[in-house]
Amino acid sequence: MVIEIIFIFITLILLFSASWALDYFGLSCFEQIVFHLKVPLEGTNTEFIFDWIKKCVSKAVVSTLFICLPLLNENYKNNFFVISMILSLIFLFLAANRVGLFGFVGNLFKGTELYEEEYIDGKNIKIEFPKKKKNLIYIYVESLENTYTSKDNGGNNNDDLLYPLSKYATDNINFSNTETLGGAKVVSGTGWTTGGIVAQSGGVPLLVPLNQKRFSKKTDFLPGLYALGDILEKEGYNQEYMIGSDAIFGGREFYFKKHGNYKVFDLNTAYKENKIAKDYKEFWGYEDEKLISFAKEEILNLANENKPFNFTMLTVDTHHPYGYVCKNCESKYPERLSNVIACNSKQIGELVEWITKQEFYKDTTLIITGDHLSMAAEYIHKTYDKTYERTIFNTFMNSSIPAANTTHRKFTSFDMFPTTLASMGVHIEGNRLGLGTNLFSSEKTLIEKYGFDFIDQELRKQSLYYKRNILKRGITK
């Protein structure tokens, strides 16, 4: 009888955890779970553990008592085993269905030739840089989406939480799915930070099979991928990736080290260089106010070198589920995350203003974009219209070429890869890289060509090309 009660308790935890994970993390697909089982989780924000205990373990305890106590009655004792097993199987089924496990398993037996037909390996085409190579500053803003701007701007909020970033987008180049501000759709394998970064800088989703070895410093991270960092390294760029957390979390350090030999400035770097006290820890590491201050120093150091540079940074304050309230944040809105988004937009705006006043800016393309859509599912569902089409924010500043067709575009994070290079004045043979299309060109993107649903479904299927040519080593055939 004890074993049966334990089974009920465990399956209830799984059921509550499935619903909790969707609300807390905003899981985009089951593949996201598989990926995070294959990468280090050191450096994660431990706040979620306490939230999980509160909302899942405690509920499972109460529910187990509520279910089992009546079953201990003499009328049910003889059938306790059967009833408990049936209930456990039901809870297990519901949990698996909630996180999309059945769809994931179904796709294990389906194949796709999308990569054979549409993937463009940058090693096999001409990529020509201008005589005077342009610098690149690429700012990934955590969970930055157009939903937060005003309805007049194309968002779904009464106020413009994105100002002044929204103004930069309207004053410069914004590729949009509408007539007003808009952006990229999220497809499978791109809906979390590392997946979004790989998609935008490599043109592929981050989908690893169940038999993939765990990623480590000794493991090549997508060894067959020819990404933005690889291209710029070949062209002699100094490259740096800067974040306010531990870069090893989610495999980010592995990716940037393997693809471009970036200098990685993270929480551990800040400790080593005495930028912060050894015992300092706020949110995921250190807040964006400090990140922006440190970024200015690093950018100036890169600009003083006699080489073109690529400075890539990722903010953190707007991370789900509630964001980080720094000393500069006001309490203008009832939702904590709304206040954080508005505050963070102003802070990034201050960094942008600083960049545009520097001598190096005339030779620099500046890109601001979200890494993915917000995973703060509870906040999104309670605050915004469910019918609103959510897209990732983007703006290109000081682009080397003008954009002729920026509105009513259907595109994904993959398309940011060739578009970034094009904005730097780079000529790409065929205007395609990875699964992405140069949005400055007249070429159709994959979802303009085939439709969003078709591409999203194909990406979930098994690709021999992806396994053999992009993942390469570390996979069992």
Protein backbone atom coordinates (compact mmCIF):
# COMPACT_ATOMS: atom_id res chain seq x y z
CA MET A 1 0.00 0.00 0.00
CA VAL A 2 2.89 2.37 0.71
CA ILE A 3 4.30 1.76 -2.77
CA GLU A 4 0.95 2.58 -4.37
CA ILE A 5 0.73 5.84 -2.41
CA ILE A 6 4.26 6.74 -3.51
CA PHE A 7 3.29 6.07 -7.14
CA ILE A 8 0.31 8.40 -6.85
CA PHE A 9 2.46 11.06 -5.20
CA ILE A 10 5.20 10.88 -7.85
CA THR A 11 2.80 10.96 -10.80
CA LEU A 12 0.95 13.90 -9.24
CA ILE A 13 4.25 15.74 -8.92
CA LEU A 14 4.90 15.06 -12.62
CA LEU A 15 1.43 16.29 -13.55
CA PHE A 16 1.67 19.49 -11.51
CA SER A 17 5.26 20.00 -12.69
CA ALA A 18 4.18 19.78 -16.34
CA SER A 19 1.60 22.54 -15.90
CA TRP A 20 3.96 24.56 -13.72
CA ALA A 21 6.78 24.31 -16.27
CA LEU A 22 4.54 25.60 -19.04
CA ASP A 23 3.53 28.60 -16.92
CA TYR A 24 6.95 29.23 -15.36
CA PHE A 25 9.27 28.48 -18.26
CA GLY A 26 6.86 28.81 -21.16
CA LEU A 27 8.18 25.62 -22.76
CA SER A 28 8.11 26.02 -26.52
CA CYS A 29 8.54 22.32 -27.34
CA PHE A 30 9.59 19.03 -25.75
CA GLU A 31 12.88 19.34 -27.61
CA GLN A 32 13.71 22.19 -25.24
CA ILE A 33 13.59 19.74 -22.32
CA VAL A 34 15.81 17.26 -24.17
CA PHE A 35 18.39 19.95 -24.92
CA HIS A 36 18.65 21.09 -21.31
CA LEU A 37 19.21 17.50 -20.23
CA LYS A 38 22.31 17.51 -22.45
CA VAL A 39 23.96 20.73 -21.27
CA PRO A 40 25.33 21.98 -17.93
CA LEU A 41 22.79 23.66 -15.65
CA GLU A 42 25.39 25.34 -13.45
CA GLY A 43 24.66 29.01 -12.96
CA THR A 44 20.89 28.74 -13.20
CA ASN A 45 18.76 30.99 -11.03
CA THR A 46 17.70 28.84 -8.05
CA GLU A 47 14.54 30.89 -7.45
CA PHE A 48 12.57 28.44 -9.56
CA ILE A 49 13.34 25.55 -7.15
CA PHE A 50 11.48 27.24 -4.31
CA ASP A 51 8.59 28.10 -6.61
CA TRP A 52 8.43 24.46 -7.76
CA ILE A 53 8.36 23.16 -4.18
CA LYS A 54 5.62 25.61 -3.30
CA LYS A 55 3.41 24.99 -6.33
CA CYS A 56 4.11 21.36 -7.17
CA VAL A 57 5.41 19.37 -4.22
CA SER A 58 3.05 20.92 -1.68
CA LYS A 59 0.06 20.47 -4.02
CA ALA A 60 1.07 16.86 -4.63
CA VAL A 61 1.20 16.19 -0.88
CA VAL A 62 -2.26 17.65 -0.30
CA SER A 63 -3.74 15.93 -3.37
CA THR A 64 -2.24 12.57 -2.41
CA LEU A 65 -3.83 12.79 1.02
CA PHE A 66 -7.13 13.89 -0.51
CA ILE A 67 -7.12 10.91 -2.90
CA CYS A 68 -5.68 8.19 -0.67
CA LEU A 69 -7.45 8.78 2.64
CA PRO A 70 -10.90 7.86 1.26
CA LEU A 71 -9.39 4.84 -0.51
CA LEU A 72 -8.20 3.47 2.83
CA ASN A 73 -11.85 2.93 3.72
CA GLU A 74 -12.83 -0.74 4.10
CA ASN A 75 -15.01 -0.49 0.99
CA TYR A 76 -11.99 0.32 -1.22
CA LYS A 77 -9.12 -1.44 0.55
CA ASN A 78 -9.30 -4.58 -1.55
CA ASN A 79 -9.22 -2.55 -4.76
CA PHE A 80 -6.64 -0.03 -3.59
CA PHE A 81 -3.88 -1.40 -5.82
CA VAL A 82 -5.99 -1.37 -8.99
CA ILE A 83 -7.46 2.08 -8.34
CA SER A 84 -4.08 3.60 -7.45
CA MET A 85 -2.43 2.17 -10.59
CA ILE A 86 -5.25 3.45 -12.80
CA LEU A 87 -5.00 6.91 -11.26
CA SER A 88 -1.20 6.90 -11.58
CA LEU A 89 -1.41 5.98 -15.26
CA ILE A 90 -3.98 8.72 -15.88
CA PHE A 91 -1.80 11.32 -14.15
CA LEU A 92 1.25 10.12 -16.09
CA PHE A 93 -0.63 10.29 -19.40
CA LEU A 94 -1.88 13.81 -18.69
CA ALA A 95 1.61 14.99 -17.71
CA ALA A 96 3.19 13.53 -20.86
CA ASN A 97 0.49 15.04 -23.04
CA ARG A 98 0.88 18.43 -21.35
CA VAL A 99 4.57 18.75 -22.31
CA GLY A 100 4.13 17.39 -25.83
CA LEU A 101 5.88 14.07 -25.27
CA PHE A 102 3.58 12.11 -27.59
CA GLY A 103 4.15 14.50 -30.47
CA PHE A 104 7.89 14.30 -29.85
CA VAL A 105 7.84 10.49 -29.88
CA GLY A 106 5.71 10.48 -33.04
CA ASN A 107 8.24 12.67 -34.84
CA LEU A 108 11.03 10.23 -33.96
CA PHE A 109 9.58 7.99 -36.66
CA LYS A 110 9.17 10.72 -39.30
CA GLY A 111 11.90 11.99 -41.58
CA THR A 112 12.44 15.27 -43.41
CA GLU A 113 14.56 16.34 -46.37
CA LEU A 114 14.20 20.03 -45.61
CA TYR A 115 17.94 20.46 -45.09
CA GLU A 116 18.87 18.61 -48.28
CA GLU A 117 16.55 20.90 -50.22
CA GLU A 118 16.91 24.25 -48.46
CA TYR A 119 19.98 24.37 -46.18
CA ILE A 120 22.86 26.52 -47.46
CA ASP A 121 26.29 25.83 -45.97
CA GLY A 122 28.29 29.05 -45.89
CA LYS A 123 31.50 27.12 -46.55
CA ASN A 124 30.22 26.27 -50.03
CA ILE A 125 29.24 29.73 -51.30
CA LYS A 126 30.95 33.09 -51.85
CA ILE A 127 30.72 35.48 -48.92
CA GLU A 128 32.43 38.75 -49.84
CA PHE A 129 33.21 41.47 -47.31
CA PRO A 130 33.65 45.13 -48.24
CA LYS A 131 37.18 46.51 -48.42
CA LYS A 132 36.59 48.41 -45.17
CA LYS A 133 35.01 45.89 -42.86
CA LYS A 134 32.27 47.09 -40.57
CA ASN A 135 32.11 46.46 -36.83
CA LEU A 136 29.08 44.71 -35.37
CA ILE A 137 27.37 45.29 -32.04
CA TYR A 138 24.62 42.73 -31.53
CA ILE A 139 22.41 43.16 -28.46
CA TYR A 140 20.19 40.24 -27.50
CA VAL A 141 17.59 41.58 -25.07
CA GLU A 142 16.12 38.81 -22.94
CA SER A 143 12.60 37.92 -24.12
CA LEU A 144 12.15 41.17 -26.07
CA GLU A 145 8.96 41.03 -28.10
CA ASN A 146 6.77 43.56 -29.87
CA THR A 147 3.80 42.74 -27.64
CA TYR A 148 5.08 45.26 -25.10
CA THR A 149 4.91 48.30 -27.34
CA SER A 150 1.72 50.35 -27.68
CA LYS A 151 -1.20 49.28 -29.84
CA ASP A 152 -0.61 52.33 -32.03
CA ASN A 153 2.90 51.01 -32.71
CA GLY A 154 1.66 47.53 -33.51
CA GLY A 155 1.98 46.03 -30.03
CA ASN A 156 -0.67 44.90 -27.56
CA ASN A 157 -0.12 47.25 -24.63
CA ASN A 158 -1.85 50.52 -23.81
CA ASP A 159 1.48 52.18 -23.00
CA ASP A 160 4.75 51.75 -24.87
CA LEU A 161 6.91 49.71 -22.51
CA LEU A 162 9.64 49.50 -25.16
CA TYR A 163 10.38 53.20 -25.49
CA PRO A 164 12.97 54.31 -26.63
CA LEU A 165 13.76 50.99 -28.35
CA SER A 166 10.50 51.24 -30.28
CA LYS A 167 11.57 54.67 -31.56
CA TYR A 168 14.91 53.29 -32.73
CA ALA A 169 12.96 50.65 -34.66
CA THR A 170 10.65 53.15 -36.35
CA ASP A 171 13.48 55.61 -37.07
CA ASN A 172 15.77 52.94 -38.50
CA ILE A 173 15.09 49.50 -40.01
CA ASN A 174 12.54 47.12 -38.54
CA PHE A 175 11.54 44.01 -40.44
CA SER A 176 7.90 43.46 -39.62
CA ASN A 177 5.12 40.98 -40.23
CA THR A 178 2.66 43.91 -40.26
CA GLU A 179 2.42 47.51 -41.43
CA THR A 180 3.65 48.73 -38.03
CA LEU A 181 6.31 47.33 -35.68
CA GLY A 182 6.69 43.59 -35.92
CA GLY A 183 9.24 40.84 -36.19
CA ALA A 184 10.13 37.18 -36.40
CA LYS A 185 8.00 34.15 -35.63
CA VAL A 186 9.37 31.41 -33.40
CA VAL A 187 9.69 27.90 -34.83
CA SER A 188 10.67 24.65 -33.12
CA GLY A 189 14.15 24.55 -31.65
CA THR A 190 14.50 28.33 -31.37
CA GLY A 191 12.25 29.26 -28.43
CA TRP A 192 14.80 29.52 -25.61
CA THR A 193 18.02 31.51 -25.18
CA THR A 194 20.63 29.14 -26.61
CA GLY A 195 18.22 27.95 -29.29
CA GLY A 196 17.39 31.52 -30.25
CA ILE A 197 21.04 32.55 -30.40
CA VAL A 198 22.00 29.55 -32.54
CA ALA A 199 19.08 30.28 -34.87
CA GLN A 200 19.94 33.96 -35.29
CA SER A 201 23.67 33.45 -35.69
CA GLY A 202 23.72 30.03 -37.35
CA GLY A 203 20.47 29.71 -39.26
CA VAL A 204 19.43 26.36 -37.74
CA PRO A 205 17.29 25.14 -34.84
CA LEU A 206 18.93 23.59 -31.79
CA LEU A 207 17.50 20.09 -31.82
CA VAL A 208 19.48 17.25 -30.27
CA PRO A 209 18.49 13.57 -30.32
CA LEU A 210 17.93 11.54 -27.18
CA ASN A 211 21.14 9.59 -27.79
CA GLN A 212 23.26 12.75 -28.10
CA LYS A 213 26.15 12.80 -25.63
CA ARG A 214 26.09 15.55 -23.03
CA PHE A 215 27.81 18.73 -24.20
CA SER A 216 30.99 19.68 -22.37
CA LYS A 217 34.20 21.61 -22.96
CA LYS A 218 35.58 18.49 -24.61
CA THR A 219 32.55 18.10 -26.89
CA ASP A 220 32.20 20.02 -30.13
CA PHE A 221 29.03 22.12 -30.14
CA LEU A 222 27.34 21.67 -33.53
CA PRO A 223 30.75 21.01 -35.14
CA GLY A 224 29.43 21.05 -38.71
CA LEU A 225 27.77 24.44 -38.38
CA TYR A 226 29.34 27.42 -40.16
CA ALA A 227 27.99 30.28 -38.07
CA LEU A 228 28.34 34.05 -37.93
CA GLY A 229 31.24 33.78 -35.47
CA ASP A 230 33.09 31.37 -37.77
CA ILE A 231 32.69 33.72 -40.73
CA LEU A 232 33.84 36.80 -38.81
CA GLU A 233 36.77 34.95 -37.24
CA LYS A 234 37.96 33.96 -40.71
CA GLU A 235 37.77 37.64 -41.69
CA GLY A 236 40.00 38.68 -38.78
CA TYR A 237 37.42 40.06 -36.35
CA ASN A 238 37.99 40.36 -32.61
CA GLN A 239 34.91 38.88 -30.98
CA GLU A 240 33.42 39.05 -27.52
CA TYR A 241 30.28 37.68 -25.91
CA MET A 242 29.13 39.36 -22.71
CA ILE A 243 26.48 38.32 -20.19
CA GLY A 244 25.65 38.88 -16.53
CA SER A 245 25.33 35.21 -15.62
CA ASP A 246 27.43 32.05 -15.81
CA ALA A 247 28.09 31.42 -19.52
CA ILE A 248 28.29 27.67 -19.05
CA PHE A 249 24.54 27.48 -18.37
CA GLY A 250 22.69 26.16 -21.40
CA GLY A 251 25.92 25.56 -23.30
CA ARG A 252 26.33 29.21 -24.30
CA GLU A 253 30.05 29.30 -23.55
CA PHE A 254 30.61 26.14 -25.59
CA TYR A 255 28.81 27.62 -28.60
CA PHE A 256 30.66 30.94 -28.66
CA LYS A 257 34.04 29.36 -27.97
CA LYS A 258 33.61 26.72 -30.68
CA HIS A 259 32.16 29.08 -33.27
CA GLY A 260 34.33 32.15 -33.48
CA ASN A 261 36.69 31.80 -30.52
CA TYR A 262 34.90 34.63 -28.74
CA LYS A 263 36.25 36.11 -25.56
CA VAL A 264 33.50 35.29 -23.06
CA PHE A 265 32.86 37.86 -20.33
CA ASP A 266 30.42 36.45 -17.78
CA LEU A 267 29.76 36.38 -14.04
CA ASN A 268 32.99 34.49 -13.39
CA THR A 269 34.98 37.05 -15.40
CA ALA A 270 33.49 39.86 -13.34
CA TYR A 271 34.63 38.06 -10.18
CA LYS A 272 38.14 37.47 -11.54
CA GLU A 273 38.57 41.07 -12.67
CA ASN A 274 37.20 42.42 -9.37
CA LYS A 275 34.33 44.16 -11.12
CA ILE A 276 32.06 42.88 -8.37
CA ALA A 277 32.63 41.41 -4.91
CA LYS A 278 33.30 37.66 -4.73
CA ASP A 279 30.05 37.09 -2.83
CA TYR A 280 27.92 39.37 -5.03
CA LYS A 281 24.91 37.64 -6.62
CA GLU A 282 21.78 39.31 -7.88
CA PHE A 283 19.17 37.45 -9.89
CA TRP A 284 21.15 35.29 -12.37
CA GLY A 285 24.49 36.92 -11.52
CA TYR A 286 24.67 40.67 -11.79
CA GLU A 287 22.00 43.03 -13.06
CA ASP A 288 21.86 44.85 -16.40
CA GLU A 289 22.82 48.19 -14.88
CA LYS A 290 26.27 46.72 -14.19
CA LEU A 291 26.29 44.77 -17.45
CA ILE A 292 25.79 47.96 -19.45
CA SER A 293 28.51 49.77 -17.52
CA PHE A 294 30.97 46.92 -18.11
CA ALA A 295 29.90 46.69 -21.76
CA LYS A 296 31.00 50.26 -22.44
CA GLU A 297 34.48 49.45 -21.17
CA GLU A 298 34.71 46.27 -23.24
CA ILE A 299 33.44 47.96 -26.40
CA LEU A 300 36.01 50.75 -26.06
CA ASN A 301 38.75 48.18 -25.59
CA LEU A 302 37.68 46.43 -28.79
CA ALA A 303 37.40 49.72 -30.68
CA ASN A 304 40.96 50.63 -29.71
CA GLU A 305 42.33 47.50 -31.37
CA ASN A 306 43.43 47.81 -34.98
CA LYS A 307 40.92 45.20 -36.11
CA PRO A 308 37.19 45.07 -36.87
CA PHE A 309 35.17 43.75 -33.95
CA ASN A 310 31.97 41.92 -33.11
CA PHE A 311 30.60 42.65 -29.65
CA THR A 312 27.61 40.49 -28.73
CA MET A 313 25.79 40.83 -25.44
CA LEU A 314 22.77 39.30 -23.74
CA THR A 315 20.75 41.11 -21.08
CA VAL A 316 18.96 39.36 -18.22
CA ASP A 317 16.71 41.68 -16.17
CA THR A 318 13.57 40.84 -18.16
CA HIS A 319 14.02 37.09 -17.65
CA HIS A 320 10.88 35.16 -16.73
CA PRO A 321 8.93 34.71 -14.63
CA TYR A 322 8.94 38.10 -12.91
CA GLY A 323 12.09 39.94 -13.98
CA TYR A 324 14.59 41.76 -11.79
CA VAL A 325 13.61 45.05 -10.17
CA CYS A 326 16.72 47.22 -9.98
CA LYS A 327 17.11 50.51 -8.12
CA ASN A 328 16.15 52.46 -11.26
CA CYS A 329 12.78 50.76 -11.76
CA GLU A 330 9.59 52.68 -11.11
CA SER A 331 6.31 51.17 -9.90
CA LYS A 332 4.09 52.64 -12.58
CA TYR A 333 2.26 49.44 -13.54
CA PRO A 334 0.48 46.79 -11.46
CA GLU A 335 2.56 43.98 -13.00
CA ARG A 336 6.13 43.70 -11.78
CA LEU A 337 7.40 42.51 -15.16
CA SER A 338 5.81 45.48 -16.94
CA ASN A 339 7.80 47.82 -14.72
CA VAL A 340 10.98 45.85 -15.37
CA ILE A 341 10.47 45.88 -19.15
CA ALA A 342 9.92 49.64 -19.19
CA CYS A 343 12.95 50.22 -16.98
CA ASN A 344 15.17 47.87 -18.99
CA SER A 345 14.20 49.49 -22.28
CA LYS A 346 15.35 52.86 -20.94
CA GLN A 347 18.65 51.39 -19.72
CA ILE A 348 19.38 49.78 -23.08
CA GLY A 349 18.34 53.01 -24.74
CA GLU A 350 20.97 54.84 -22.70
CA LEU A 351 23.59 52.35 -23.94
CA VAL A 352 22.47 52.86 -27.53
CA GLU A 353 22.70 56.64 -27.16
CA TRP A 354 26.23 56.24 -25.82
CA ILE A 355 27.22 53.97 -28.72
CA THR A 356 25.89 56.37 -31.35
CA LYS A 357 28.04 59.18 -29.93
CA GLN A 358 31.30 57.23 -30.15
CA GLU A 359 33.84 57.71 -32.92
CA PHE A 360 33.68 54.04 -33.95
CA TYR A 361 29.91 54.14 -34.55
CA LYS A 362 30.23 55.43 -38.12
CA ASP A 363 31.90 52.12 -38.97
CA THR A 364 29.52 49.97 -36.92
CA THR A 365 26.21 48.22 -37.52
CA LEU A 366 24.08 48.01 -34.37
CA ILE A 367 21.39 45.35 -34.07
CA ILE A 368 18.92 45.07 -31.19
CA THR A 369 16.70 42.01 -30.99
CA GLY A 370 15.03 39.63 -28.59
CA ASP A 371 16.56 36.20 -28.16
CA HIS A 372 13.10 34.60 -28.17
CA LEU A 373 9.54 35.32 -27.09
CA SER A 374 8.88 35.74 -23.39
CA MET A 375 8.52 32.55 -21.37
CA ALA A 376 6.62 34.39 -18.63
CA ALA A 377 3.50 32.52 -19.69
CA GLU A 378 1.39 33.52 -16.69
CA TYR A 379 2.18 37.22 -17.20
CA ILE A 380 1.54 37.05 -20.95
CA HIS A 381 -1.78 35.22 -20.60
CA LYS A 382 -3.10 37.54 -17.90
CA THR A 383 -1.90 40.81 -19.41
CA TYR A 384 -2.30 40.54 -23.18
CA ASP A 385 -4.82 39.50 -25.80
CA LYS A 386 -4.54 35.78 -26.59
CA THR A 387 -5.30 36.43 -30.27
CA TYR A 388 -2.40 38.86 -30.70
CA GLU A 389 0.37 37.49 -32.93
CA ARG A 390 3.53 37.67 -30.86
CA THR A 391 6.83 38.33 -32.63
CA ILE A 392 10.45 38.98 -31.68
CA PHE A 393 11.57 42.62 -31.71
CA ASN A 394 14.31 43.73 -34.12
CA THR A 395 15.96 46.88 -35.34
CA PHE A 396 19.01 47.46 -37.54
CA MET A 397 20.85 50.73 -37.01
CA ASN A 398 23.49 52.23 -39.30
CA SER A 399 23.03 49.50 -41.88
CA SER A 400 25.32 49.59 -44.91
CA ILE A 401 22.39 49.09 -47.25
CA PRO A 402 18.81 50.34 -47.30
CA ALA A 403 15.86 47.98 -46.95
CA ALA A 404 13.26 48.09 -49.69
CA ASN A 405 10.74 45.59 -48.35
CA THR A 406 10.38 45.69 -44.56
CA THR A 407 6.63 45.32 -43.94
CA HIS A 408 4.30 42.33 -44.21
CA ARG A 409 7.28 39.98 -44.14
CA LYS A 410 6.94 36.45 -42.84
CA PHE A 411 10.22 35.32 -41.34
CA THR A 412 11.89 33.48 -38.47
CA SER A 413 15.03 33.84 -36.37
CA PHE A 414 16.94 31.91 -39.07
CA ASP A 415 16.66 34.91 -41.38
CA MET A 416 18.58 37.14 -38.99
CA PHE A 417 21.80 35.23 -39.86
CA PRO A 418 22.27 36.33 -43.49
CA THR A 419 20.46 39.63 -42.85
CA THR A 420 23.03 40.57 -40.19
CA LEU A 421 25.91 40.07 -42.63
CA ALA A 422 24.08 41.96 -45.37
CA SER A 423 23.56 44.92 -43.02
CA MET A 424 27.35 45.03 -42.64
CA GLY A 425 27.80 45.40 -46.39
CA VAL A 426 28.64 41.73 -46.96
CA HIS A 427 27.62 40.17 -50.28
CA ILE A 428 26.19 36.66 -49.93
CA GLU A 429 25.94 34.51 -53.02
CA GLY A 430 22.26 33.62 -53.44
CA ASN A 431 21.24 35.70 -50.40
CA ARG A 432 20.76 32.58 -48.28
CA LEU A 433 22.65 31.06 -45.34
CA GLY A 434 21.63 28.09 -43.22
CA LEU A 435 17.85 28.00 -43.36
CA GLY A 436 17.78 31.79 -43.45
CA THR A 437 17.16 34.36 -46.16
CA ASN A 438 18.64 37.85 -46.44
CA LEU A 439 15.66 40.11 -45.70
CA PHE A 440 17.32 42.98 -47.57
CA SER A 441 17.00 40.93 -50.76
CA SER A 442 13.98 40.02 -52.87
CA GLU A 443 14.32 36.32 -52.04
CA LYS A 444 11.44 34.68 -50.20
CA THR A 445 12.01 33.28 -46.71
CA LEU A 446 11.18 29.65 -46.05
CA ILE A 447 7.90 30.45 -44.31
CA GLU A 448 6.97 32.86 -47.12
CA LYS A 449 7.65 30.01 -49.54
CA TYR A 450 6.12 27.07 -47.66
CA GLY A 451 4.10 28.53 -44.80
CA PHE A 452 4.82 28.61 -41.07
CA ASP A 453 3.05 25.38 -40.10
CA PHE A 454 4.82 23.30 -42.73
CA ILE A 455 8.30 24.52 -41.76
CA ASP A 456 7.59 24.16 -38.05
CA GLN A 457 6.43 20.56 -38.52
CA GLU A 458 9.37 19.66 -40.77
CA LEU A 459 11.84 20.97 -38.18
CA ARG A 460 10.40 18.60 -35.57
CA LYS A 461 11.05 15.57 -37.77
CA GLN A 462 14.29 13.59 -37.93
CA SER A 463 16.89 14.89 -40.38
CA LEU A 464 19.81 12.69 -41.41
CA TYR A 465 21.49 15.75 -42.90
CA TYR A 466 21.29 17.63 -39.60
CA LYS A 467 22.67 14.66 -37.68
CA ARG A 468 25.47 13.83 -40.10
CA ASN A 469 26.54 17.30 -41.23
CA ILE A 470 25.72 19.66 -38.36
CA LEU A 471 25.83 17.55 -35.20
CA LYS A 472 28.52 15.24 -36.64
CA ARG A 473 30.46 13.73 -33.73
CA GLY A 474 28.89 12.66 -30.45
CA ILE A 475 25.88 11.02 -32.05
CA THR A 476 25.07 7.35 -32.34
CA LYS A 477 23.78 6.46 -35.76
